Amino acid sequence: MGFAEGRSAATWVDFDFYGHQFVIHLQAGMDGGYRHQARNSVDGREVPLPHFGVVLDWHDWEALAANLTRQDLEFIIEPHIRFQGMVGEQATMFFLDPAGNALEFKAFKDLGQLFAKQARA
């Protein structure tokens, strides 16, 4: 993902995750084949459950999406705009970390809509 590596040992690594520690651990017996089974439909896409999400500024999101796309990363949900033209419009993408955890990276052009609710029908 291009994050600077911090402290590490044979079974774990700290990464500089936008100024926060993102720590991954190697678990004995993990073969890299882990996949999330539970999904929830959001704006027509099947979102993996559970997942960890981080909100980036728009420019950082675009740069990360372009970098990961160039690397041919396997996305669960490819970079796209969700809820286009609606309350909560956002750029989002989902993929797995090396341990199989689902990660979501998103950005809002209007950060004030981060927790805005859509009207229910």
Protein backbone atom coordinates (compact mmCIF):
# COMPACT_ATOMS: atom_id res chain seq x y z
CA MET A 1 0.00 0.00 0.00
CA GLY A 2 3.06 2.24 0.06
CA PHE A 3 3.01 3.11 3.77
CA ALA A 4 6.36 3.71 5.51
CA GLU A 5 7.38 0.81 7.72
CA GLY A 6 8.00 1.55 11.38
CA ARG A 7 9.01 -0.91 14.08
CA SER A 8 8.79 -4.60 13.26
CA ALA A 9 9.68 -8.12 14.31
CA ALA A 10 9.51 -11.51 12.60
CA THR A 11 5.74 -11.76 13.19
CA TRP A 12 4.49 -8.14 13.11
CA VAL A 13 5.00 -4.77 11.41
CA ASP A 14 3.92 -1.21 12.28
CA PHE A 15 3.11 1.08 9.34
CA ASP A 16 2.68 4.87 9.28
CA PHE A 17 -1.02 4.97 8.43
CA TYR A 18 -1.71 8.66 7.81
CA GLY A 19 -0.04 9.53 11.12
CA HIS A 20 -1.52 6.54 12.99
CA GLN A 21 -0.10 3.09 13.64
CA PHE A 22 -1.51 0.34 11.47
CA VAL A 23 -0.20 -2.92 12.90
CA ILE A 24 -0.34 -6.25 11.10
CA HIS A 25 0.50 -9.59 12.70
CA LEU A 26 1.33 -12.90 11.09
CA GLN A 27 -0.94 -15.64 12.38
CA ALA A 28 0.34 -19.20 12.29
CA GLY A 29 -1.62 -21.31 9.83
CA MET A 30 -2.84 -18.39 7.70
CA ASP A 31 -2.35 -19.34 4.06
CA GLY A 32 -3.55 -16.07 2.53
CA GLY A 33 -6.77 -17.75 1.41
CA TYR A 34 -9.04 -16.18 4.02
CA ARG A 35 -12.06 -14.45 2.54
CA HIS A 36 -14.99 -12.73 4.21
CA GLN A 37 -18.24 -14.61 3.79
CA ALA A 38 -20.72 -12.10 5.21
CA ARG A 39 -21.79 -9.27 2.91
CA ASN A 40 -24.21 -6.36 3.08
CA SER A 41 -25.61 -4.66 -0.02
CA VAL A 42 -24.76 -0.93 -0.09
CA ASP A 43 -25.61 1.17 -3.17
CA GLY A 44 -25.73 -1.97 -5.31
CA ARG A 45 -22.37 -3.44 -4.17
CA GLU A 46 -21.72 -6.29 -1.75
CA VAL A 47 -19.68 -4.82 1.13
CA PRO A 48 -17.58 -7.29 3.17
CA LEU A 49 -18.38 -7.69 6.87
CA PRO A 50 -16.71 -6.83 9.09
CA HIS A 51 -14.37 -4.18 7.70
CA PHE A 52 -12.17 -1.34 8.93
CA GLY A 53 -12.64 2.04 7.30
CA VAL A 54 -10.57 5.19 7.10
CA VAL A 55 -11.56 8.58 5.68
CA LEU A 56 -8.91 10.36 3.62
CA ASP A 57 -8.94 13.75 2.00
CA TRP A 58 -10.00 13.61 -1.65
CA HIS A 59 -6.51 14.10 -3.10
CA ASP A 60 -4.96 11.37 -0.90
CA TRP A 61 -7.78 8.97 -1.83
CA GLU A 62 -7.26 9.60 -5.55
CA ALA A 63 -3.49 9.09 -5.20
CA LEU A 64 -3.93 5.84 -3.24
CA ALA A 65 -6.55 4.51 -5.69
CA ALA A 66 -4.29 5.27 -8.66
CA ASN A 67 -1.26 3.69 -6.98
CA LEU A 68 -3.13 0.49 -6.04
CA THR A 69 -4.70 0.24 -9.50
CA ARG A 70 -1.24 0.55 -11.12
CA GLN A 71 -0.08 -2.31 -8.89
CA ASP A 72 -2.97 -4.49 -10.11
CA LEU A 73 -4.25 -4.93 -6.56
CA GLU A 74 -7.22 -7.27 -6.34
CA PHE A 75 -10.10 -5.11 -5.12
CA ILE A 76 -13.20 -6.47 -3.40
CA ILE A 77 -14.94 -3.30 -4.60
CA GLU A 78 -12.97 -1.24 -7.12
CA PRO A 79 -12.47 2.52 -6.63
CA HIS A 80 -15.67 4.37 -7.53
CA ILE A 81 -18.11 7.08 -6.44
CA ARG A 82 -20.90 5.80 -4.19
CA PHE A 83 -24.26 7.56 -3.64
CA GLN A 84 -23.49 9.80 -6.62
CA GLY A 85 -25.57 12.99 -6.53
CA MET A 86 -27.07 12.03 -3.15
CA VAL A 87 -26.48 12.91 0.50
CA GLY A 88 -23.27 11.22 1.61
CA GLU A 89 -21.70 11.06 -1.87
CA GLN A 90 -18.24 9.54 -1.46
CA ALA A 91 -15.31 7.94 -3.20
CA THR A 92 -14.72 4.42 -1.87
CA MET A 93 -12.77 1.22 -2.44
CA PHE A 94 -12.41 -2.08 -0.57
CA PHE A 95 -9.58 -4.61 -0.53
CA LEU A 96 -7.95 -7.11 1.82
CA ASP A 97 -4.76 -6.51 3.82
CA PRO A 98 -2.10 -9.28 3.77
CA ALA A 99 -3.82 -11.02 6.72
CA GLY A 100 -7.20 -11.09 4.98
CA ASN A 101 -8.86 -8.21 6.84
CA ALA A 102 -11.24 -6.12 4.75
CA LEU A 103 -10.27 -2.45 4.49
CA GLU A 104 -12.34 0.45 3.16
CA PHE A 105 -10.77 3.74 2.10
CA LYS A 106 -13.17 6.59 1.39
CA ALA A 107 -13.20 10.34 0.83
CA PHE A 108 -15.82 13.08 0.71
CA LYS A 109 -15.62 16.27 -1.33
CA ASP A 110 -17.84 17.69 1.45
CA LEU A 111 -16.50 16.25 4.72
CA GLY A 112 -19.58 17.72 6.43
CA GLN A 113 -21.54 14.82 4.90
CA LEU A 114 -19.45 12.17 6.67
CA PHE A 115 -22.31 11.25 9.02
CA ALA A 116 -25.21 12.80 7.04
CA LYS A 117 -28.26 10.56 6.80
CA GLN A 118 -30.23 9.93 3.64
CA ALA A 119 -34.00 10.31 3.76
CA ARG A 120 -35.75 6.95 4.03
CA ALA A 121 -38.59 6.09 1.70
